């Protein structure tokens, strides 16, 4: 996910849970622009994703991680918990076989 136009943000109201990707932990993510079309593509950084969705849901589950998560899993969990506290949202790391009660 790179971008969701503001005109669509009103569709996020009253969500109980958001499941989204967590490819890049760095603030700017990895965003590129197609030379031919000028359109952007890539992945927003987790801090930006959390900032966007924290206003619309009390819970976020991150999936589809990049290699950054596996380099130091304890540090990754701590960083994600701290981002959750900062934005007052519960954040969990998704995993294969995860079951949810919603």
PDB file of N, CA and C in Angstrom:
ATOM      1  N   UNK A   1       0.842  -1.172   0.000  1.00  0.00           N
ATOM      2  CA  UNK A   1       0.000   0.000   0.000  1.00  0.00           C
ATOM      3  C   UNK A   1       0.887   1.234   0.000  1.00  0.00           C
ATOM      4  N   UNK A   2       0.590   2.145  -0.878  1.00  0.00           N
ATOM      5  CA  UNK A   2       1.340   3.387  -0.924  1.00  0.00           C
ATOM      6  C   UNK A   2       0.468   4.551  -0.479  1.00  0.00           C
ATOM      7  N   UNK A   3      -0.740   4.614  -0.986  1.00  0.00           N
ATOM      8  CA  UNK A   3      -1.530   5.814  -0.806  1.00  0.00           C
ATOM      9  C   UNK A   3      -3.010   5.483  -0.910  1.00  0.00           C
ATOM     10  N   UNK A   4      -3.826   6.134  -0.104  1.00  0.00           N
ATOM     11  CA  UNK A   4      -5.281   6.081  -0.239  1.00  0.00           C
ATOM     12  C   UNK A   4      -5.739   7.528  -0.267  1.00  0.00           C
ATOM     13  N   UNK A   5      -6.371   7.918  -1.345  1.00  0.00           N
ATOM     14  CA  UNK A   5      -6.794   9.306  -1.495  1.00  0.00           C
ATOM     15  C   UNK A   5      -7.735   9.710  -0.367  1.00  0.00           C
ATOM     16  N   UNK A   6      -7.603  10.958   0.099  1.00  0.00           N
ATOM     17  CA  UNK A   6      -8.387  11.456   1.235  1.00  0.00           C
ATOM     18  C   UNK A   6      -9.886  11.361   0.992  1.00  0.00           C
ATOM     19  N   UNK A   7     -10.305  11.437  -0.238  1.00  0.00           N
ATOM     20  CA  UNK A   7     -11.747  11.372  -0.514  1.00  0.00           C
ATOM     21  C   UNK A   7     -12.338  10.018  -0.121  1.00  0.00           C
ATOM     22  N   UNK A   8     -11.497   9.000   0.040  1.00  0.00           N
ATOM     23  CA  UNK A   8     -11.962   7.672   0.439  1.00  0.00           C
ATOM     24  C   UNK A   8     -11.859   7.415   1.942  1.00  0.00           C
ATOM     25  N   UNK A   9     -11.231   8.292   2.684  1.00  0.00           N
ATOM     26  CA  UNK A   9     -11.017   8.071   4.111  1.00  0.00           C
ATOM     27  C   UNK A   9     -12.336   7.955   4.874  1.00  0.00           C
ATOM     28  N   UNK A  10     -13.374   8.597   4.419  1.00  0.00           N
ATOM     29  CA  UNK A  10     -14.667   8.519   5.109  1.00  0.00           C
ATOM     30  C   UNK A  10     -15.217   7.094   5.108  1.00  0.00           C
ATOM     31  N   UNK A  11     -14.763   6.263   4.222  1.00  0.00           N
ATOM     32  CA  UNK A  11     -15.206   4.863   4.160  1.00  0.00           C
ATOM     33  C   UNK A  11     -14.605   4.016   5.273  1.00  0.00           C
ATOM     34  N   UNK A  12     -13.651   4.546   6.010  1.00  0.00           N
ATOM     35  CA  UNK A  12     -12.994   3.816   7.083  1.00  0.00           C
ATOM     36  C   UNK A  12     -13.758   3.880   8.407  1.00  0.00           C
ATOM     37  N   UNK A  13     -14.814   4.660   8.495  1.00  0.00           N
ATOM     38  CA  UNK A  13     -15.502   4.877   9.759  1.00  0.00           C
ATOM     39  C   UNK A  13     -15.996   3.579  10.374  1.00  0.00           C
ATOM     40  N   UNK A  14     -15.890   3.514  11.712  1.00  0.00           N
ATOM     41  CA  UNK A  14     -16.438   2.422  12.517  1.00  0.00           C
ATOM     42  C   UNK A  14     -15.852   1.047  12.190  1.00  0.00           C
ATOM     43  N   UNK A  15     -14.593   0.992  11.850  1.00  0.00           N
ATOM     44  CA  UNK A  15     -13.940  -0.290  11.614  1.00  0.00           C
ATOM     45  C   UNK A  15     -13.483  -0.879  12.946  1.00  0.00           C
ATOM     46  N   UNK A  16     -13.596  -2.186  13.096  1.00  0.00           N
ATOM     47  CA  UNK A  16     -13.170  -2.851  14.322  1.00  0.00           C
ATOM     48  C   UNK A  16     -11.745  -3.377  14.214  1.00  0.00           C
ATOM     49  N   UNK A  17     -11.307  -3.589  12.978  1.00  0.00           N
ATOM     50  CA  UNK A  17      -9.990  -4.168  12.762  1.00  0.00           C
ATOM     51  C   UNK A  17      -9.517  -3.833  11.356  1.00  0.00           C
ATOM     52  N   UNK A  18      -8.243  -3.524  11.241  1.00  0.00           N
ATOM     53  CA  UNK A  18      -7.626  -3.309   9.935  1.00  0.00           C
ATOM     54  C   UNK A  18      -6.476  -4.297   9.810  1.00  0.00           C
ATOM     55  N   UNK A  19      -6.426  -5.001   8.691  1.00  0.00           N
ATOM     56  CA  UNK A  19      -5.314  -5.898   8.395  1.00  0.00           C
ATOM     57  C   UNK A  19      -4.600  -5.315   7.182  1.00  0.00           C
ATOM     58  N   UNK A  20      -3.330  -5.018   7.337  1.00  0.00           N
ATOM     59  CA  UNK A  20      -2.583  -4.356   6.272  1.00  0.00           C
ATOM     60  C   UNK A  20      -1.143  -4.856   6.255  1.00  0.00           C
ATOM     61  N   UNK A  21      -0.422  -4.458   5.254  1.00  0.00           N
ATOM     62  CA  UNK A  21       0.947  -4.938   5.077  1.00  0.00           C
ATOM     63  C   UNK A  21       1.949  -4.153   5.921  1.00  0.00           C
ATOM     64  N   UNK A  22       3.086  -4.794   6.194  1.00  0.00           N
ATOM     65  CA  UNK A  22       4.132  -4.178   6.984  1.00  0.00           C
ATOM     66  C   UNK A  22       5.501  -4.369   6.359  1.00  0.00           C
ATOM     67  N   UNK A  23       5.586  -4.096   5.078  1.00  0.00           N
ATOM     68  CA  UNK A  23       6.819  -4.380   4.344  1.00  0.00           C
ATOM     69  C   UNK A  23       8.029  -3.595   4.831  1.00  0.00           C
ATOM     70  N   UNK A  24       7.810  -2.330   5.174  1.00  0.00           N
ATOM     71  CA  UNK A  24       8.942  -1.477   5.548  1.00  0.00           C
ATOM     72  C   UNK A  24       8.670  -0.777   6.868  1.00  0.00           C
ATOM     73  N   UNK A  25       9.616  -0.860   7.791  1.00  0.00           N
ATOM     74  CA  UNK A  25       9.483  -0.201   9.082  1.00  0.00           C
ATOM     75  C   UNK A  25       9.874   1.267   9.002  1.00  0.00           C
ATOM     76  N   UNK A  26      10.738   1.607   8.082  1.00  0.00           N
ATOM     77  CA  UNK A  26      11.195   2.996   8.035  1.00  0.00           C
ATOM     78  C   UNK A  26      10.054   3.920   7.627  1.00  0.00           C
ATOM     79  N   UNK A  27      10.105   5.106   8.149  1.00  0.00           N
ATOM     80  CA  UNK A  27       9.023   6.077   7.996  1.00  0.00           C
ATOM     81  C   UNK A  27       8.610   6.300   6.542  1.00  0.00           C
ATOM     82  N   UNK A  28       9.543   6.429   5.652  1.00  0.00           N
ATOM     83  CA  UNK A  28       9.227   6.719   4.256  1.00  0.00           C
ATOM     84  C   UNK A  28       8.878   5.508   3.417  1.00  0.00           C
ATOM     85  N   UNK A  29       9.060   4.311   3.966  1.00  0.00           N
ATOM     86  CA  UNK A  29       8.756   3.100   3.209  1.00  0.00           C
ATOM     87  C   UNK A  29       9.664   2.961   1.997  1.00  0.00           C
ATOM     88  N   UNK A  30       9.105   2.426   0.921  1.00  0.00           N
ATOM     89  CA  UNK A  30       9.824   2.285  -0.348  1.00  0.00           C
ATOM     90  C   UNK A  30       8.841   2.675  -1.450  1.00  0.00           C
ATOM     91  N   UNK A  31       8.898   3.919  -1.834  1.00  0.00           N
ATOM     92  CA  UNK A  31       7.959   4.437  -2.825  1.00  0.00           C
ATOM     93  C   UNK A  31       8.736   4.864  -4.062  1.00  0.00           C
ATOM     94  N   UNK A  32       8.232   4.400  -5.191  1.00  0.00           N
ATOM     95  CA  UNK A  32       8.871   4.707  -6.477  1.00  0.00           C
ATOM     96  C   UNK A  32       7.844   5.290  -7.426  1.00  0.00           C
ATOM     97  N   UNK A  33       8.337   5.845  -8.526  1.00  0.00           N
ATOM     98  CA  UNK A  33       7.459   6.434  -9.539  1.00  0.00           C
ATOM     99  C   UNK A  33       7.776   5.826 -10.895  1.00  0.00           C
ATOM    100  N   UNK A  34       6.739   5.367 -11.578  1.00  0.00           N
ATOM    101  CA  UNK A  34       6.894   4.805 -12.914  1.00  0.00           C
ATOM    102  C   UNK A  34       7.306   5.920 -13.872  1.00  0.00           C
ATOM    103  N   UNK A  35       8.407   5.732 -14.576  1.00  0.00           N
ATOM    104  CA  UNK A  35       8.932   6.769 -15.472  1.00  0.00           C
ATOM    105  C   UNK A  35       7.971   7.078 -16.613  1.00  0.00           C
ATOM    106  N   UNK A  36       7.288   6.083 -17.115  1.00  0.00           N
ATOM    107  CA  UNK A  36       6.393   6.286 -18.256  1.00  0.00           C
ATOM    108  C   UNK A  36       5.072   6.946 -17.862  1.00  0.00           C
ATOM    109  N   UNK A  37       4.474   6.483 -16.751  1.00  0.00           N
ATOM    110  CA  UNK A  37       3.143   6.971 -16.375  1.00  0.00           C
ATOM    111  C   UNK A  37       3.164   8.032 -15.282  1.00  0.00           C
ATOM    112  N   UNK A  38       4.240   8.072 -14.506  1.00  0.00           N
ATOM    113  CA  UNK A  38       4.315   9.005 -13.390  1.00  0.00           C
ATOM    114  C   UNK A  38       3.591   8.514 -12.141  1.00  0.00           C
ATOM    115  N   UNK A  39       2.959   7.347 -12.211  1.00  0.00           N
ATOM    116  CA  UNK A  39       2.221   6.816 -11.062  1.00  0.00           C
ATOM    117  C   UNK A  39       3.191   6.258 -10.023  1.00  0.00           C
ATOM    118  N   UNK A  40       2.819   6.426  -8.759  1.00  0.00           N
ATOM    119  CA  UNK A  40       3.653   5.907  -7.682  1.00  0.00           C
ATOM    120  C   UNK A  40       3.271   4.457  -7.388  1.00  0.00           C
ATOM    121  N   UNK A  41       4.244   3.715  -6.873  1.00  0.00           N
ATOM    122  CA  UNK A  41       4.005   2.337  -6.468  1.00  0.00           C
ATOM    123  C   UNK A  41       5.005   1.977  -5.379  1.00  0.00           C
ATOM    124  N   UNK A  42       4.752   0.898  -4.696  1.00  0.00           N
ATOM    125  CA  UNK A  42       5.647   0.450  -3.636  1.00  0.00           C
ATOM    126  C   UNK A  42       4.891   0.231  -2.341  1.00  0.00           C
ATOM    127  N   UNK A  43       5.532   0.581  -1.223  1.00  0.00           N
ATOM    128  CA  UNK A  43       4.958   0.345   0.098  1.00  0.00           C
ATOM    129  C   UNK A  43       5.213   1.558   0.990  1.00  0.00           C
ATOM    130  N   UNK A  44       4.166   2.012   1.662  1.00  0.00           N
ATOM    131  CA  UNK A  44       4.336   3.057   2.670  1.00  0.00           C
ATOM    132  C   UNK A  44       5.033   2.432   3.878  1.00  0.00           C
ATOM    133  N   UNK A  45       5.660   3.227   4.686  1.00  0.00           N
ATOM    134  CA  UNK A  45       6.288   2.727   5.906  1.00  0.00           C
ATOM    135  C   UNK A  45       5.249   2.477   6.988  1.00  0.00           C
ATOM    136  N   UNK A  46       5.533   1.552   7.879  1.00  0.00           N
ATOM    137  CA  UNK A  46       4.611   1.217   8.955  1.00  0.00           C
ATOM    138  C   UNK A  46       4.209   2.435   9.781  1.00  0.00           C
ATOM    139  N   UNK A  47       5.112   3.341  10.155  1.00  0.00           N
ATOM    140  CA  UNK A  47       4.671   4.510  10.922  1.00  0.00           C
ATOM    141  C   UNK A  47       3.573   5.302  10.199  1.00  0.00           C
ATOM    142  N   UNK A  48       3.686   5.453   8.922  1.00  0.00           N
ATOM    143  CA  UNK A  48       2.670   6.198   8.156  1.00  0.00           C
ATOM    144  C   UNK A  48       1.349   5.422   8.100  1.00  0.00           C
ATOM    145  N   UNK A  49       1.437   4.113   7.920  1.00  0.00           N
ATOM    146  CA  UNK A  49       0.243   3.275   7.871  1.00  0.00           C
ATOM    147  C   UNK A  49      -0.508   3.351   9.202  1.00  0.00           C
ATOM    148  N   UNK A  50       0.222   3.231  10.305  1.00  0.00           N
ATOM    149  CA  UNK A  50      -0.405   3.282  11.626  1.00  0.00           C
ATOM    150  C   UNK A  50      -1.024   4.649  11.863  1.00  0.00           C
ATOM    151  N   UNK A  51      -0.313   5.694  11.512  1.00  0.00           N
ATOM    152  CA  UNK A  51      -0.849   7.047  11.685  1.00  0.00           C
ATOM    153  C   UNK A  51      -2.156   7.214  10.907  1.00  0.00           C
ATOM    154  N   UNK A  52      -2.214   6.697   9.705  1.00  0.00           N
ATOM    155  CA  UNK A  52      -3.422   6.793   8.889  1.00  0.00           C
ATOM    156  C   UNK A  52      -4.586   6.035   9.527  1.00  0.00           C
ATOM    157  N   UNK A  53      -4.385   4.778   9.879  1.00  0.00           N
ATOM    158  CA  UNK A  53      -5.491   3.933  10.308  1.00  0.00           C
ATOM    159  C   UNK A  53      -5.857   4.048  11.786  1.00  0.00           C
ATOM    160  N   UNK A  54      -4.984   4.590  12.629  1.00  0.00           N
ATOM    161  CA  UNK A  54      -5.261   4.679  14.061  1.00  0.00           C
ATOM    162  C   UNK A  54      -6.511   5.499  14.365  1.00  0.00           C
ATOM    163  N   UNK A  55      -6.845   6.442  13.523  1.00  0.00           N
ATOM    164  CA  UNK A  55      -8.044   7.256  13.740  1.00  0.00           C
ATOM    165  C   UNK A  55      -9.327   6.511  13.402  1.00  0.00           C
ATOM    166  N   UNK A  56      -9.226   5.361  12.753  1.00  0.00           N
ATOM    167  CA  UNK A  56     -10.409   4.674  12.250  1.00  0.00           C
ATOM    168  C   UNK A  56     -10.667   3.313  12.889  1.00  0.00           C
ATOM    169  N   UNK A  57      -9.688   2.765  13.595  1.00  0.00           N
ATOM    170  CA  UNK A  57      -9.850   1.441  14.184  1.00  0.00           C
ATOM    171  C   UNK A  57      -8.983   1.320  15.432  1.00  0.00           C
ATOM    172  N   UNK A  58      -9.497   0.624  16.464  1.00  0.00           N
ATOM    173  CA  UNK A  58      -8.692   0.426  17.675  1.00  0.00           C
ATOM    174  C   UNK A  58      -7.656  -0.691  17.547  1.00  0.00           C
ATOM    175  N   UNK A  59      -7.754  -1.490  16.452  1.00  0.00           N
ATOM    176  CA  UNK A  59      -6.843  -2.631  16.285  1.00  0.00           C
ATOM    177  C   UNK A  59      -6.317  -2.693  14.857  1.00  0.00           C
ATOM    178  N   UNK A  60      -5.027  -2.979  14.744  1.00  0.00           N
ATOM    179  CA  UNK A  60      -4.375  -3.148  13.444  1.00  0.00           C
ATOM    180  C   UNK A  60      -3.534  -4.424  13.507  1.00  0.00           C
ATOM    181  N   UNK A  61      -3.648  -5.231  12.474  1.00  0.00           N
ATOM    182  CA  UNK A  61      -2.777  -6.396  12.333  1.00  0.00           C
ATOM    183  C   UNK A  61      -1.915  -6.170  11.104  1.00  0.00           C
ATOM    184  N   UNK A  62      -0.617  -6.306  11.289  1.00  0.00           N
ATOM    185  CA  UNK A  62       0.338  -6.140  10.196  1.00  0.00           C
ATOM    186  C   UNK A  62       0.753  -7.502   9.661  1.00  0.00           C
ATOM    187  N   UNK A  63       0.822  -7.631   8.348  1.00  0.00           N
ATOM    188  CA  UNK A  63       1.251  -8.868   7.690  1.00  0.00           C
ATOM    189  C   UNK A  63       2.217  -8.505   6.571  1.00  0.00           C
ATOM    190  N   UNK A  64       2.671  -9.502   5.829  1.00  0.00           N
ATOM    191  CA  UNK A  64       3.503  -9.293   4.624  1.00  0.00           C
ATOM    192  C   UNK A  64       4.742  -8.462   4.957  1.00  0.00           C
ATOM    193  N   UNK A  65       5.566  -9.017   5.827  1.00  0.00           N
ATOM    194  CA  UNK A  65       6.738  -8.283   6.308  1.00  0.00           C
ATOM    195  C   UNK A  65       7.935  -8.425   5.392  1.00  0.00           C
ATOM    196  N   UNK A  66       8.749  -7.394   5.418  1.00  0.00           N
ATOM    197  CA  UNK A  66      10.030  -7.433   4.733  1.00  0.00           C
ATOM    198  C   UNK A  66      11.076  -8.076   5.638  1.00  0.00           C
ATOM    199  N   UNK A  67      12.281  -8.173   5.144  1.00  0.00           N
ATOM    200  CA  UNK A  67      13.360  -8.837   5.882  1.00  0.00           C
ATOM    201  C   UNK A  67      13.716  -8.123   7.180  1.00  0.00           C
ATOM    202  N   UNK A  68      13.375  -6.850   7.307  1.00  0.00           N
ATOM    203  CA  UNK A  68      13.699  -6.089   8.513  1.00  0.00           C
ATOM    204  C   UNK A  68      13.163  -6.780   9.764  1.00  0.00           C
ATOM    205  N   UNK A  69      11.996  -7.406   9.687  1.00  0.00           N
ATOM    206  CA  UNK A  69      11.377  -8.034  10.849  1.00  0.00           C
ATOM    207  C   UNK A  69      12.227  -9.199  11.359  1.00  0.00           C
ATOM    208  N   UNK A  70      12.784  -9.968  10.445  1.00  0.00           N
ATOM    209  CA  UNK A  70      13.479 -11.198  10.802  1.00  0.00           C
ATOM    210  C   UNK A  70      14.924 -10.976  11.233  1.00  0.00           C
ATOM    211  N   UNK A  71      15.447  -9.791  10.985  1.00  0.00           N
ATOM    212  CA  UNK A  71      16.823  -9.502  11.405  1.00  0.00           C
ATOM    213  C   UNK A  71      16.939  -9.450  12.921  1.00  0.00           C
ATOM    214  N   UNK A  72      15.901  -8.929  13.592  1.00  0.00           N
ATOM    215  CA  UNK A  72      15.879  -8.861  15.055  1.00  0.00           C
ATOM    216  C   UNK A  72      14.413  -8.823  15.472  1.00  0.00           C
ATOM    217  N   UNK A  73      13.834  -9.997  15.645  1.00  0.00           N
ATOM    218  CA  UNK A  73      12.389 -10.099  15.902  1.00  0.00           C
ATOM    219  C   UNK A  73      11.991  -9.420  17.211  1.00  0.00           C
ATOM    220  N   UNK A  74      12.793  -9.557  18.258  1.00  0.00           N
ATOM    221  CA  UNK A  74      12.458  -8.904  19.533  1.00  0.00           C
ATOM    222  C   UNK A  74      12.426  -7.388  19.375  1.00  0.00           C
ATOM    223  N   UNK A  75      13.411  -6.849  18.686  1.00  0.00           N
ATOM    224  CA  UNK A  75      13.455  -5.404  18.454  1.00  0.00           C
ATOM    225  C   UNK A  75      12.263  -4.968  17.600  1.00  0.00           C
ATOM    226  N   UNK A  76      11.908  -5.760  16.599  1.00  0.00           N
ATOM    227  CA  UNK A  76      10.767  -5.435  15.730  1.00  0.00           C
ATOM    228  C   UNK A  76       9.476  -5.387  16.534  1.00  0.00           C
ATOM    229  N   UNK A  77       9.259  -6.376  17.395  1.00  0.00           N
ATOM    230  CA  UNK A  77       8.062  -6.391  18.239  1.00  0.00           C
ATOM    231  C   UNK A  77       8.017  -5.157  19.140  1.00  0.00           C
ATOM    232  N   UNK A  78       9.152  -4.815  19.717  1.00  0.00           N
ATOM    233  CA  UNK A  78       9.217  -3.650  20.601  1.00  0.00           C
ATOM    234  C   UNK A  78       8.895  -2.376  19.830  1.00  0.00           C
ATOM    235  N   UNK A  79       9.471  -2.219  18.663  1.00  0.00           N
ATOM    236  CA  UNK A  79       9.226  -1.030  17.841  1.00  0.00           C
ATOM    237  C   UNK A  79       7.751  -0.915  17.491  1.00  0.00           C
ATOM    238  N   UNK A  80       7.138  -2.016  17.114  1.00  0.00           N
ATOM    239  CA  UNK A  80       5.723  -2.005  16.746  1.00  0.00           C
ATOM    240  C   UNK A  80       4.849  -1.704  17.963  1.00  0.00           C
ATOM    241  N   UNK A  81       5.165  -2.289  19.119  1.00  0.00           N
ATOM    242  CA  UNK A  81       4.411  -1.978  20.345  1.00  0.00           C
ATOM    243  C   UNK A  81       4.493  -0.490  20.671  1.00  0.00           C
ATOM    244  N   UNK A  82       5.689   0.084  20.545  1.00  0.00           N
ATOM    245  CA  UNK A  82       5.870   1.508  20.844  1.00  0.00           C
ATOM    246  C   UNK A  82       5.059   2.383  19.889  1.00  0.00           C
ATOM    247  N   UNK A  83       5.003   2.008  18.615  1.00  0.00           N
ATOM    248  CA  UNK A  83       4.187   2.757  17.662  1.00  0.00           C
ATOM    249  C   UNK A  83       2.705   2.665  18.028  1.00  0.00           C
ATOM    250  N   UNK A  84       2.282   1.509  18.500  1.00  0.00           N
ATOM    251  CA  UNK A  84       0.902   1.350  18.945  1.00  0.00           C
ATOM    252  C   UNK A  84       0.582   2.257  20.118  1.00  0.00           C
ATOM    253  N   UNK A  85       1.479   2.288  21.100  1.00  0.00           N
ATOM    254  CA  UNK A  85       1.282   3.163  22.259  1.00  0.00           C
ATOM    255  C   UNK A  85       1.237   4.626  21.844  1.00  0.00           C
ATOM    256  N   UNK A  86       2.139   5.004  20.963  1.00  0.00           N
ATOM    257  CA  UNK A  86       2.208   6.390  20.497  1.00  0.00           C
ATOM    258  C   UNK A  86       0.894   6.828  19.843  1.00  0.00           C
ATOM    259  N   UNK A  87       0.269   5.932  19.100  1.00  0.00           N
ATOM    260  CA  UNK A  87      -0.954   6.274  18.367  1.00  0.00           C
ATOM    261  C   UNK A  87      -2.218   5.738  19.036  1.00  0.00           C
ATOM    262  N   UNK A  88      -2.058   5.163  20.250  1.00  0.00           N
ATOM    263  CA  UNK A  88      -3.184   4.658  21.040  1.00  0.00           C
ATOM    264  C   UNK A  88      -4.032   3.655  20.275  1.00  0.00           C
ATOM    265  N   UNK A  89      -3.343   2.663  19.710  1.00  0.00           N
ATOM    266  CA  UNK A  89      -3.998   1.606  18.955  1.00  0.00           C
ATOM    267  C   UNK A  89      -3.297   0.284  19.269  1.00  0.00           C
ATOM    268  N   UNK A  90      -4.067  -0.806  19.316  1.00  0.00           N
ATOM    269  CA  UNK A  90      -3.488  -2.126  19.528  1.00  0.00           C
ATOM    270  C   UNK A  90      -2.956  -2.645  18.199  1.00  0.00           C
ATOM    271  N   UNK A  91      -1.696  -3.021  18.165  1.00  0.00           N
ATOM    272  CA  UNK A  91      -1.083  -3.516  16.942  1.00  0.00           C
ATOM    273  C   UNK A  91      -0.545  -4.918  17.208  1.00  0.00           C
ATOM    274  N   UNK A  92      -0.874  -5.819  16.303  1.00  0.00           N
ATOM    275  CA  UNK A  92      -0.359  -7.187  16.407  1.00  0.00           C
ATOM    276  C   UNK A  92       0.349  -7.558  15.120  1.00  0.00           C
ATOM    277  N   UNK A  93       1.289  -8.470  15.253  1.00  0.00           N
ATOM    278  CA  UNK A  93       1.984  -9.007  14.100  1.00  0.00           C
ATOM    279  C   UNK A  93       1.254 -10.280  13.675  1.00  0.00           C
ATOM    280  N   UNK A  94       0.755 -10.280  12.450  1.00  0.00           N
ATOM    281  CA  UNK A  94       0.054 -11.434  11.917  1.00  0.00           C
ATOM    282  C   UNK A  94       1.005 -12.573  11.604  1.00  0.00           C
ATOM    283  N   UNK A  95       0.482 -13.787  11.645  1.00  0.00           N
ATOM    284  CA  UNK A  95       1.297 -14.955  11.341  1.00  0.00           C
ATOM    285  C   UNK A  95       0.415 -16.049  10.745  1.00  0.00           C
ATOM    286  N   UNK A  96       1.037 -16.990  10.075  1.00  0.00           N
ATOM    287  CA  UNK A  96       0.313 -18.111   9.475  1.00  0.00           C
ATOM    288  C   UNK A  96      -0.458 -18.865  10.538  1.00  0.00           C
ATOM    289  N   UNK A  97      -1.735 -19.130  10.290  1.00  0.00           N
ATOM    290  CA  UNK A  97      -2.566 -19.871  11.221  1.00  0.00           C
ATOM    291  C   UNK A  97      -3.191 -19.004  12.310  1.00  0.00           C
ATOM    292  N   UNK A  98      -2.944 -17.714  12.289  1.00  0.00           N
ATOM    293  CA  UNK A  98      -3.509 -16.816  13.293  1.00  0.00           C
ATOM    294  C   UNK A  98      -5.032 -16.853  13.228  1.00  0.00           C
ATOM    295  N   UNK A  99      -5.673 -16.938  14.390  1.00  0.00           N
ATOM    296  CA  UNK A  99      -7.130 -16.918  14.466  1.00  0.00           C
ATOM    297  C   UNK A  99      -7.573 -15.713  15.264  1.00  0.00           C
ATOM    298  N   UNK A 100      -8.661 -15.105  14.858  1.00  0.00           N
ATOM    299  CA  UNK A 100      -9.149 -13.875  15.492  1.00  0.00           C
ATOM    300  C   UNK A 100     -10.590 -14.027  15.937  1.00  0.00           C
ATOM    301  N   UNK A 101     -10.913 -13.406  17.040  1.00  0.00           N
ATOM    302  CA  UNK A 101     -12.298 -13.256  17.458  1.00  0.00           C
ATOM    303  C   UNK A 101     -12.681 -11.804  17.192  1.00  0.00           C
ATOM    304  N   UNK A 102     -13.607 -11.604  16.287  1.00  0.00           N
ATOM    305  CA  UNK A 102     -14.030 -10.229  15.950  1.00  0.00           C
ATOM    306  C   UNK A 102     -15.500 -10.039  16.227  1.00  0.00           C
TER     307      UNK A 102
END
